[in-house]
Amino acid sequence: MARKVPHGDEGLICPLHQADCSTVCHKCPWWTQIRGKHPQTGEDVDDWRCAIAWMPMLTIETNRNVRGNQAATESMRNEVVKRMDRPADRVQAPTVRLIENG
């Protein structure tokens, strides 16, 4: 079943095609549907727009995710450093046995 792609808003001129959006957007490969939550307002998003028009919102979402990953990485680093600072006498060295051929 083919999906119905909606037309763009009438009266707006597409800077790429230099034509009314209502006549060109639904045929353009950059006309994209996005579903999810708006990163600034938290409102549900389910809309069709030009991929270029989506860029600011997607950039904000990407930056938010990067900050979250950075915080998790820093937390893990701090935990590793804390464990490395323990005295060596409290850390038990592994037992090593040599295997002889014979």
PDB file of N, CA and C in Angstrom:
ATOM      1  N   MET A   1       0.838  -1.176   0.000  1.00  0.00           N
ATOM      2  CA  MET A   1       0.000   0.000   0.000  1.00  0.00           C
ATOM      3  C   MET A   1       0.891   1.251   0.000  1.00  0.00           C
ATOM      4  N   ALA A   2       0.676   2.127  -0.931  1.00  0.00           N
ATOM      5  CA  ALA A   2       1.467   3.356  -1.042  1.00  0.00           C
ATOM      6  C   ALA A   2       0.976   4.366  -0.015  1.00  0.00           C
ATOM      7  N   ARG A   3       1.911   5.062   0.596  1.00  0.00           N
ATOM      8  CA  ARG A   3       1.509   6.059   1.577  1.00  0.00           C
ATOM      9  C   ARG A   3       1.189   7.371   0.880  1.00  0.00           C
ATOM     10  N   LYS A   4       0.277   8.100   1.453  1.00  0.00           N
ATOM     11  CA  LYS A   4      -0.130   9.388   0.902  1.00  0.00           C
ATOM     12  C   LYS A   4       0.767  10.472   1.493  1.00  0.00           C
ATOM     13  N   VAL A   5       1.545  11.099   0.659  1.00  0.00           N
ATOM     14  CA  VAL A   5       2.442  12.168   1.082  1.00  0.00           C
ATOM     15  C   VAL A   5       1.702  13.493   0.930  1.00  0.00           C
ATOM     16  N   PRO A   6       1.572  14.261   2.018  1.00  0.00           N
ATOM     17  CA  PRO A   6       0.842  15.527   1.923  1.00  0.00           C
ATOM     18  C   PRO A   6       1.631  16.589   1.152  1.00  0.00           C
ATOM     19  N   HIS A   7       0.896  17.521   0.613  1.00  0.00           N
ATOM     20  CA  HIS A   7       1.502  18.644  -0.102  1.00  0.00           C
ATOM     21  C   HIS A   7       2.022  19.674   0.894  1.00  0.00           C
ATOM     22  N   GLY A   8       2.955  20.497   0.445  1.00  0.00           N
ATOM     23  CA  GLY A   8       3.474  21.585   1.271  1.00  0.00           C
ATOM     24  C   GLY A   8       2.452  22.707   1.385  1.00  0.00           C
ATOM     25  N   ASP A   9       2.779  23.690   2.215  1.00  0.00           N
ATOM     26  CA  ASP A   9       1.871  24.821   2.431  1.00  0.00           C
ATOM     27  C   ASP A   9       1.776  25.694   1.188  1.00  0.00           C
ATOM     28  N   GLU A  10       0.564  26.084   0.857  1.00  0.00           N
ATOM     29  CA  GLU A  10       0.329  26.941  -0.299  1.00  0.00           C
ATOM     30  C   GLU A  10       0.766  28.365   0.021  1.00  0.00           C
ATOM     31  N   GLY A  11       1.388  29.011  -0.937  1.00  0.00           N
ATOM     32  CA  GLY A  11       1.804  30.398  -0.779  1.00  0.00           C
ATOM     33  C   GLY A  11       3.269  30.550  -0.410  1.00  0.00           C
ATOM     34  N   LEU A  12       3.898  29.483   0.078  1.00  0.00           N
ATOM     35  CA  LEU A  12       5.326  29.546   0.382  1.00  0.00           C
ATOM     36  C   LEU A  12       6.112  29.140  -0.856  1.00  0.00           C
ATOM     37  N   ILE A  13       7.221  29.786  -1.107  1.00  0.00           N
ATOM     38  CA  ILE A  13       8.054  29.483  -2.270  1.00  0.00           C
ATOM     39  C   ILE A  13       9.243  28.649  -1.816  1.00  0.00           C
ATOM     40  N   CYS A  14       9.431  27.506  -2.444  1.00  0.00           N
ATOM     41  CA  CYS A  14      10.569  26.636  -2.142  1.00  0.00           C
ATOM     42  C   CYS A  14      11.834  27.284  -2.699  1.00  0.00           C
ATOM     43  N   PRO A  15      12.841  27.505  -1.842  1.00  0.00           N
ATOM     44  CA  PRO A  15      14.073  28.131  -2.339  1.00  0.00           C
ATOM     45  C   PRO A  15      14.876  27.205  -3.248  1.00  0.00           C
ATOM     46  N   LEU A  16      14.656  25.916  -3.134  1.00  0.00           N
ATOM     47  CA  LEU A  16      15.378  24.958  -3.969  1.00  0.00           C
ATOM     48  C   LEU A  16      14.782  24.873  -5.379  1.00  0.00           C
ATOM     49  N   HIS A  17      13.457  24.753  -5.438  1.00  0.00           N
ATOM     50  CA  HIS A  17      12.778  24.570  -6.735  1.00  0.00           C
ATOM     51  C   HIS A  17      12.235  25.876  -7.329  1.00  0.00           C
ATOM     52  N   GLN A  18      12.255  26.955  -6.558  1.00  0.00           N
ATOM     53  CA  GLN A  18      11.726  28.250  -7.002  1.00  0.00           C
ATOM     54  C   GLN A  18      10.289  28.126  -7.495  1.00  0.00           C
ATOM     55  N   ALA A  19       9.483  27.378  -6.724  1.00  0.00           N
ATOM     56  CA  ALA A  19       8.073  27.190  -7.072  1.00  0.00           C
ATOM     57  C   ALA A  19       7.268  27.120  -5.783  1.00  0.00           C
ATOM     58  N   ASP A  20       5.950  27.241  -5.907  1.00  0.00           N
ATOM     59  CA  ASP A  20       5.068  27.153  -4.744  1.00  0.00           C
ATOM     60  C   ASP A  20       5.217  25.778  -4.087  1.00  0.00           C
ATOM     61  N   CYS A  21       5.373  25.778  -2.762  1.00  0.00           N
ATOM     62  CA  CYS A  21       5.599  24.529  -2.018  1.00  0.00           C
ATOM     63  C   CYS A  21       4.473  23.519  -2.217  1.00  0.00           C
ATOM     64  N   SER A  22       3.258  23.997  -2.397  1.00  0.00           N
ATOM     65  CA  SER A  22       2.129  23.075  -2.567  1.00  0.00           C
ATOM     66  C   SER A  22       2.206  22.295  -3.873  1.00  0.00           C
ATOM     67  N   THR A  23       3.038  22.741  -4.814  1.00  0.00           N
ATOM     68  CA  THR A  23       3.140  22.032  -6.093  1.00  0.00           C
ATOM     69  C   THR A  23       4.394  21.173  -6.215  1.00  0.00           C
ATOM     70  N   VAL A  24       5.384  21.387  -5.343  1.00  0.00           N
ATOM     71  CA  VAL A  24       6.643  20.651  -5.506  1.00  0.00           C
ATOM     72  C   VAL A  24       7.059  19.784  -4.320  1.00  0.00           C
ATOM     73  N   CYS A  25       6.686  20.172  -3.089  1.00  0.00           N
ATOM     74  CA  CYS A  25       7.214  19.487  -1.904  1.00  0.00           C
ATOM     75  C   CYS A  25       6.886  17.999  -1.870  1.00  0.00           C
ATOM     76  N   HIS A  26       5.673  17.628  -2.196  1.00  0.00           N
ATOM     77  CA  HIS A  26       5.264  16.217  -2.097  1.00  0.00           C
ATOM     78  C   HIS A  26       6.029  15.325  -3.084  1.00  0.00           C
ATOM     79  N   LYS A  27       6.709  15.921  -4.062  1.00  0.00           N
ATOM     80  CA  LYS A  27       7.504  15.149  -5.031  1.00  0.00           C
ATOM     81  C   LYS A  27       9.000  15.191  -4.719  1.00  0.00           C
ATOM     82  N   CYS A  28       9.397  16.028  -3.776  1.00  0.00           N
ATOM     83  CA  CYS A  28      10.812  16.237  -3.468  1.00  0.00           C
ATOM     84  C   CYS A  28      11.310  15.160  -2.499  1.00  0.00           C
ATOM     85  N   PRO A  29      12.506  14.600  -2.738  1.00  0.00           N
ATOM     86  CA  PRO A  29      13.039  13.592  -1.821  1.00  0.00           C
ATOM     87  C   PRO A  29      13.400  14.152  -0.442  1.00  0.00           C
ATOM     88  N   TRP A  30      13.491  15.469  -0.309  1.00  0.00           N
ATOM     89  CA  TRP A  30      13.799  16.067   0.992  1.00  0.00           C
ATOM     90  C   TRP A  30      12.539  16.303   1.829  1.00  0.00           C
ATOM     91  N   TRP A  31      11.362  16.064   1.272  1.00  0.00           N
ATOM     92  CA  TRP A  31      10.100  16.231   1.998  1.00  0.00           C
ATOM     93  C   TRP A  31       9.962  15.037   2.935  1.00  0.00           C
ATOM     94  N   THR A  32      10.117  15.277   4.233  1.00  0.00           N
ATOM     95  CA  THR A  32      10.314  14.210   5.199  1.00  0.00           C
ATOM     96  C   THR A  32       9.333  14.316   6.365  1.00  0.00           C
ATOM     97  N   GLN A  33       8.882  13.152   6.819  1.00  0.00           N
ATOM     98  CA  GLN A  33       8.025  13.104   8.002  1.00  0.00           C
ATOM     99  C   GLN A  33       8.888  12.793   9.229  1.00  0.00           C
ATOM    100  N   ILE A  34       8.657  13.545  10.299  1.00  0.00           N
ATOM    101  CA  ILE A  34       9.354  13.325  11.572  1.00  0.00           C
ATOM    102  C   ILE A  34       8.299  13.061  12.639  1.00  0.00           C
ATOM    103  N   ARG A  35       8.546  12.017  13.439  1.00  0.00           N
ATOM    104  CA  ARG A  35       7.683  11.698  14.589  1.00  0.00           C
ATOM    105  C   ARG A  35       8.559  11.616  15.829  1.00  0.00           C
ATOM    106  N   GLY A  36       8.077  12.141  16.923  1.00  0.00           N
ATOM    107  CA  GLY A  36       8.825  12.073  18.175  1.00  0.00           C
ATOM    108  C   GLY A  36       8.438  13.217  19.087  1.00  0.00           C
ATOM    109  N   LYS A  37       9.356  13.614  19.935  1.00  0.00           N
ATOM    110  CA  LYS A  37       9.132  14.707  20.893  1.00  0.00           C
ATOM    111  C   LYS A  37      10.015  15.893  20.518  1.00  0.00           C
ATOM    112  N   HIS A  38       9.445  17.072  20.608  1.00  0.00           N
ATOM    113  CA  HIS A  38      10.215  18.290  20.349  1.00  0.00           C
ATOM    114  C   HIS A  38      11.218  18.453  21.480  1.00  0.00           C
ATOM    115  N   PRO A  39      12.511  18.656  21.186  1.00  0.00           N
ATOM    116  CA  PRO A  39      13.531  18.699  22.231  1.00  0.00           C
ATOM    117  C   PRO A  39      13.425  19.895  23.184  1.00  0.00           C
ATOM    118  N   GLN A  40      12.764  20.949  22.780  1.00  0.00           N
ATOM    119  CA  GLN A  40      12.658  22.130  23.652  1.00  0.00           C
ATOM    120  C   GLN A  40      11.345  22.170  24.423  1.00  0.00           C
ATOM    121  N   THR A  41      10.256  21.726  23.793  1.00  0.00           N
ATOM    122  CA  THR A  41       8.943  21.843  24.438  1.00  0.00           C
ATOM    123  C   THR A  41       8.435  20.519  24.987  1.00  0.00           C
ATOM    124  N   GLY A  42       8.947  19.409  24.475  1.00  0.00           N
ATOM    125  CA  GLY A  42       8.460  18.095  24.900  1.00  0.00           C
ATOM    126  C   GLY A  42       7.151  17.693  24.235  1.00  0.00           C
ATOM    127  N   GLU A  43       6.621  18.545  23.383  1.00  0.00           N
ATOM    128  CA  GLU A  43       5.365  18.241  22.689  1.00  0.00           C
ATOM    129  C   GLU A  43       5.595  17.159  21.639  1.00  0.00           C
ATOM    130  N   ASP A  44       4.541  16.376  21.368  1.00  0.00           N
ATOM    131  CA  ASP A  44       4.622  15.369  20.313  1.00  0.00           C
ATOM    132  C   ASP A  44       4.741  16.056  18.957  1.00  0.00           C
ATOM    133  N   VAL A  45       5.582  15.489  18.106  1.00  0.00           N
ATOM    134  CA  VAL A  45       5.763  15.996  16.746  1.00  0.00           C
ATOM    135  C   VAL A  45       5.425  14.874  15.779  1.00  0.00           C
ATOM    136  N   ASP A  46       4.567  15.148  14.828  1.00  0.00           N
ATOM    137  CA  ASP A  46       4.240  14.221  13.743  1.00  0.00           C
ATOM    138  C   ASP A  46       3.852  15.098  12.560  1.00  0.00           C
ATOM    139  N   ASP A  47       4.857  15.474  11.779  1.00  0.00           N
ATOM    140  CA  ASP A  47       4.632  16.479  10.742  1.00  0.00           C
ATOM    141  C   ASP A  47       5.548  16.235   9.553  1.00  0.00           C
ATOM    142  N   TRP A  48       5.150  16.763   8.414  1.00  0.00           N
ATOM    143  CA  TRP A  48       5.945  16.721   7.186  1.00  0.00           C
ATOM    144  C   TRP A  48       6.538  18.104   6.954  1.00  0.00           C
ATOM    145  N   ARG A  49       7.840  18.144   6.676  1.00  0.00           N
ATOM    146  CA  ARG A  49       8.528  19.393   6.312  1.00  0.00           C
ATOM    147  C   ARG A  49       9.740  19.044   5.462  1.00  0.00           C
ATOM    148  N   CYS A  50      10.329  20.069   4.903  1.00  0.00           N
ATOM    149  CA  CYS A  50      11.576  19.908   4.161  1.00  0.00           C
ATOM    150  C   CYS A  50      12.676  19.513   5.147  1.00  0.00           C
ATOM    151  N   ALA A  51      13.552  18.623   4.745  1.00  0.00           N
ATOM    152  CA  ALA A  51      14.645  18.186   5.613  1.00  0.00           C
ATOM    153  C   ALA A  51      15.490  19.376   6.081  1.00  0.00           C
ATOM    154  N   ILE A  52      15.629  20.383   5.247  1.00  0.00           N
ATOM    155  CA  ILE A  52      16.384  21.574   5.631  1.00  0.00           C
ATOM    156  C   ILE A  52      15.653  22.320   6.753  1.00  0.00           C
ATOM    157  N   ALA A  53      14.327  22.366   6.708  1.00  0.00           N
ATOM    158  CA  ALA A  53      13.554  23.035   7.758  1.00  0.00           C
ATOM    159  C   ALA A  53      13.626  22.269   9.079  1.00  0.00           C
ATOM    160  N   TRP A  54      13.834  20.957   9.020  1.00  0.00           N
ATOM    161  CA  TRP A  54      13.944  20.146  10.242  1.00  0.00           C
ATOM    162  C   TRP A  54      15.308  20.315  10.920  1.00  0.00           C
ATOM    163  N   MET A  55      16.314  20.781  10.224  1.00  0.00           N
ATOM    164  CA  MET A  55      17.680  20.809  10.735  1.00  0.00           C
ATOM    165  C   MET A  55      17.861  21.500  12.091  1.00  0.00           C
ATOM    166  N   PRO A  56      17.297  22.667  12.342  1.00  0.00           N
ATOM    167  CA  PRO A  56      17.516  23.286  13.654  1.00  0.00           C
ATOM    168  C   PRO A  56      17.027  22.411  14.809  1.00  0.00           C
ATOM    169  N   MET A  57      15.825  21.832  14.674  1.00  0.00           N
ATOM    170  CA  MET A  57      15.293  20.995  15.740  1.00  0.00           C
ATOM    171  C   MET A  57      16.136  19.732  15.921  1.00  0.00           C
ATOM    172  N   LEU A  58      16.560  19.118  14.830  1.00  0.00           N
ATOM    173  CA  LEU A  58      17.370  17.901  14.925  1.00  0.00           C
ATOM    174  C   LEU A  58      18.754  18.193  15.492  1.00  0.00           C
ATOM    175  N   THR A  59      19.294  19.364  15.202  1.00  0.00           N
ATOM    176  CA  THR A  59      20.590  19.756  15.761  1.00  0.00           C
ATOM    177  C   THR A  59      20.482  19.930  17.274  1.00  0.00           C
ATOM    178  N   ILE A  60      19.406  20.529  17.737  1.00  0.00           N
ATOM    179  CA  ILE A  60      19.181  20.688  19.181  1.00  0.00           C
ATOM    180  C   ILE A  60      19.093  19.319  19.841  1.00  0.00           C
ATOM    181  N   GLU A  61      18.356  18.398  19.233  1.00  0.00           N
ATOM    182  CA  GLU A  61      18.213  17.042  19.783  1.00  0.00           C
ATOM    183  C   GLU A  61      19.554  16.313  19.806  1.00  0.00           C
ATOM    184  N   THR A  62      20.329  16.448  18.755  1.00  0.00           N
ATOM    185  CA  THR A  62      21.653  15.811  18.705  1.00  0.00           C
ATOM    186  C   THR A  62      22.556  16.351  19.807  1.00  0.00           C
ATOM    187  N   ASN A  63      22.557  17.667  19.992  1.00  0.00           N
ATOM    188  CA  ASN A  63      23.378  18.279  21.041  1.00  0.00           C
ATOM    189  C   ASN A  63      22.964  17.802  22.424  1.00  0.00           C
ATOM    190  N   ARG A  64      21.660  17.659  22.648  1.00  0.00           N
ATOM    191  CA  ARG A  64      21.178  17.164  23.939  1.00  0.00           C
ATOM    192  C   ARG A  64      21.688  15.752  24.202  1.00  0.00           C
ATOM    193  N   ASN A  65      21.648  14.905  23.184  1.00  0.00           N
ATOM    194  CA  ASN A  65      22.136  13.533  23.331  1.00  0.00           C
ATOM    195  C   ASN A  65      23.645  13.497  23.548  1.00  0.00           C
ATOM    196  N   VAL A  66      24.378  14.350  22.886  1.00  0.00           N
ATOM    197  CA  VAL A  66      25.833  14.401  23.059  1.00  0.00           C
ATOM    198  C   VAL A  66      26.170  14.798  24.493  1.00  0.00           C
ATOM    199  N   ARG A  67      25.458  15.790  25.027  1.00  0.00           N
ATOM    200  CA  ARG A  67      25.705  16.207  26.414  1.00  0.00           C
ATOM    201  C   ARG A  67      25.421  15.059  27.381  1.00  0.00           C
ATOM    202  N   GLY A  68      24.371  14.291  27.139  1.00  0.00           N
ATOM    203  CA  GLY A  68      24.054  13.150  27.995  1.00  0.00           C
ATOM    204  C   GLY A  68      25.132  12.087  27.933  1.00  0.00           C
ATOM    205  N   ASN A  69      25.621  11.806  26.737  1.00  0.00           N
ATOM    206  CA  ASN A  69      26.696  10.816  26.583  1.00  0.00           C
ATOM    207  C   ASN A  69      27.989  11.309  27.209  1.00  0.00           C
ATOM    208  N   GLN A  70      28.261  12.589  27.098  1.00  0.00           N
ATOM    209  CA  GLN A  70      29.464  13.162  27.697  1.00  0.00           C
ATOM    210  C   GLN A  70      29.414  13.018  29.217  1.00  0.00           C
ATOM    211  N   ALA A  71      28.259  13.269  29.807  1.00  0.00           N
ATOM    212  CA  ALA A  71      28.123  13.143  31.260  1.00  0.00           C
ATOM    213  C   ALA A  71      28.314  11.689  31.696  1.00  0.00           C
ATOM    214  N   ALA A  72      27.771  10.744  30.937  1.00  0.00           N
ATOM    215  CA  ALA A  72      27.930   9.329  31.276  1.00  0.00           C
ATOM    216  C   ALA A  72      29.387   8.897  31.154  1.00  0.00           C
ATOM    217  N   THR A  73      30.076   9.369  30.130  1.00  0.00           N
ATOM    218  CA  THR A  73      31.488   9.038  29.942  1.00  0.00           C
ATOM    219  C   THR A  73      32.330   9.611  31.086  1.00  0.00           C
ATOM    220  N   GLU A  74      32.043  10.841  31.471  1.00  0.00           N
ATOM    221  CA  GLU A  74      32.787  11.458  32.569  1.00  0.00           C
ATOM    222  C   GLU A  74      32.541  10.717  33.880  1.00  0.00           C
ATOM    223  N   SER A  75      31.320  10.292  34.107  1.00  0.00           N
ATOM    224  CA  SER A  75      30.998   9.533  35.315  1.00  0.00           C
ATOM    225  C   SER A  75      31.769   8.213  35.347  1.00  0.00           C
ATOM    226  N   MET A  76      31.815   7.528  34.206  1.00  0.00           N
ATOM    227  CA  MET A  76      32.557   6.273  34.139  1.00  0.00           C
ATOM    228  C   MET A  76      34.052   6.526  34.367  1.00  0.00           C
ATOM    229  N   ARG A  77      34.575   7.574  33.779  1.00  0.00           N
ATOM    230  CA  ARG A  77      35.994   7.910  33.967  1.00  0.00           C
ATOM    231  C   ARG A  77      36.296   8.151  35.434  1.00  0.00           C
ATOM    232  N   ASN A  78      35.441   8.900  36.106  1.00  0.00           N
ATOM    233  CA  ASN A  78      35.649   9.184  37.528  1.00  0.00           C
ATOM    234  C   ASN A  78      35.632   7.907  38.362  1.00  0.00           C
ATOM    235  N   GLU A  79      34.757   6.988  38.023  1.00  0.00           N
ATOM    236  CA  GLU A  79      34.696   5.711  38.744  1.00  0.00           C
ATOM    237  C   GLU A  79      35.972   4.897  38.522  1.00  0.00           C
ATOM    238  N   VAL A  80      36.471   4.882  37.304  1.00  0.00           N
ATOM    239  CA  VAL A  80      37.714   4.156  37.005  1.00  0.00           C
ATOM    240  C   VAL A  80      38.877   4.765  37.771  1.00  0.00           C
ATOM    241  N   VAL A  81      38.970   6.085  37.781  1.00  0.00           N
ATOM    242  CA  VAL A  81      40.050   6.762  38.503  1.00  0.00           C
ATOM    243  C   VAL A  81      39.953   6.467  39.999  1.00  0.00           C
ATOM    244  N   LYS A  82      38.744   6.499  40.542  1.00  0.00           N
ATOM    245  CA  LYS A  82      38.551   6.225  41.965  1.00  0.00           C
ATOM    246  C   LYS A  82      39.031   4.813  42.308  1.00  0.00           C
ATOM    247  N   ARG A  83      38.744   3.843  41.454  1.00  0.00           N
ATOM    248  CA  ARG A  83      39.175   2.469  41.707  1.00  0.00           C
ATOM    249  C   ARG A  83      40.684   2.307  41.529  1.00  0.00           C
ATOM    250  N   MET A  84      41.275   3.075  40.658  1.00  0.00           N
ATOM    251  CA  MET A  84      42.723   2.997  40.456  1.00  0.00           C
ATOM    252  C   MET A  84      43.474   3.602  41.642  1.00  0.00           C
ATOM    253  N   ASP A  85      42.834   4.506  42.374  1.00  0.00           N
ATOM    254  CA  ASP A  85      43.479   5.166  43.510  1.00  0.00           C
ATOM    255  C   ASP A  85      43.521   4.298  44.767  1.00  0.00           C
ATOM    256  N   ARG A  86      42.897   3.136  44.739  1.00  0.00           N
ATOM    257  CA  ARG A  86      42.924   2.252  45.904  1.00  0.00           C
ATOM    258  C   ARG A  86      44.348   1.752  46.129  1.00  0.00           C
ATOM    259  N   PRO A  87      44.717   1.543  47.387  1.00  0.00           N
ATOM    260  CA  PRO A  87      46.055   1.018  47.668  1.00  0.00           C
ATOM    261  C   PRO A  87      46.260  -0.358  47.041  1.00  0.00           C
ATOM    262  N   ALA A  88      47.486  -0.589  46.571  1.00  0.00           N
ATOM    263  CA  ALA A  88      47.799  -1.838  45.868  1.00  0.00           C
ATOM    264  C   ALA A  88      47.688  -3.052  46.780  1.00  0.00           C
ATOM    265  N   ASP A  89      47.913  -2.898  48.094  1.00  0.00           N
ATOM    266  CA  ASP A  89      47.858  -4.051  48.987  1.00  0.00           C
ATOM    267  C   ASP A  89      46.431  -4.571  49.158  1.00  0.00           C
ATOM    268  N   ARG A  90      45.428  -3.771  48.810  1.00  0.00           N
ATOM    269  CA  ARG A  90      44.042  -4.227  48.894  1.00  0.00           C
ATOM    270  C   ARG A  90      43.598  -4.944  47.625  1.00  0.00           C
ATOM    271  N   VAL A  91      44.382  -4.819  46.587  1.00  0.00           N
ATOM    272  CA  VAL A  91      44.061  -5.475  45.323  1.00  0.00           C
ATOM    273  C   VAL A  91      44.869  -6.754  45.231  1.00  0.00           C
ATOM    274  N   GLN A  92      44.193  -7.872  45.071  1.00  0.00           N
ATOM    275  CA  GLN A  92      44.888  -9.154  45.017  1.00  0.00           C
ATOM    276  C   GLN A  92      45.377  -9.411  43.593  1.00  0.00           C
ATOM    277  N   ALA A  93      46.666  -9.679  43.481  1.00  0.00           N
ATOM    278  CA  ALA A  93      47.253  -9.952  42.165  1.00  0.00           C
ATOM    279  C   ALA A  93      46.832 -11.350  41.716  1.00  0.00           C
ATOM    280  N   PRO A  94      46.613 -11.541  40.443  1.00  0.00           N
ATOM    281  CA  PRO A  94      46.229 -12.864  39.951  1.00  0.00           C
ATOM    282  C   PRO A  94      47.386 -13.828  40.069  1.00  0.00           C
ATOM    283  N   THR A  95      47.070 -15.109  40.294  1.00  0.00           N
ATOM    284  CA  THR A  95      48.070 -16.169  40.384  1.00  0.00           C
ATOM    285  C   THR A  95      48.387 -16.637  38.977  1.00  0.00           C
ATOM    286  N   VAL A  96      49.702 -16.740  38.668  1.00  0.00           N
ATOM    287  CA  VAL A  96      50.108 -17.139  37.323  1.00  0.00           C
ATOM    288  C   VAL A  96      50.926 -18.428  37.444  1.00  0.00           C
ATOM    289  N   ARG A  97      50.584 -19.420  36.627  1.00  0.00           N
ATOM    290  CA  ARG A  97      51.358 -20.670  36.575  1.00  0.00           C
ATOM    291  C   ARG A  97      51.876 -20.859  35.175  1.00  0.00           C
ATOM    292  N   LEU A  98      53.104 -21.252  35.067  1.00  0.00           N
ATOM    293  CA  LEU A  98      53.700 -21.531  33.755  1.00  0.00           C
ATOM    294  C   LEU A  98      53.413 -22.974  33.393  1.00  0.00           C
ATOM    295  N   ILE A  99      53.122 -23.191  32.137  1.00  0.00           N
ATOM    296  CA  ILE A  99      52.894 -24.554  31.643  1.00  0.00           C
ATOM    297  C   ILE A  99      54.165 -25.003  30.960  1.00  0.00           C
ATOM    298  N   GLU A 100      54.686 -26.137  31.415  1.00  0.00           N
ATOM    299  CA  GLU A 100      55.933 -26.655  30.841  1.00  0.00           C
ATOM    300  C   GLU A 100      55.618 -27.738  29.828  1.00  0.00           C
ATOM    301  N   ASN A 101      56.379 -27.711  28.735  1.00  0.00           N
ATOM    302  CA  ASN A 101      56.232 -28.776  27.708  1.00  0.00           C
ATOM    303  C   ASN A 101      57.027 -30.000  28.208  1.00  0.00           C
ATOM    304  N   GLY A 102      56.469 -31.120  28.076  1.00  0.00           N
ATOM    305  CA  GLY A 102      57.309 -32.241  28.465  1.00  0.00           C
ATOM    306  C   GLY A 102      56.561 -33.437  28.672  1.00  0.00           C
TER     307      GLY A 102
END
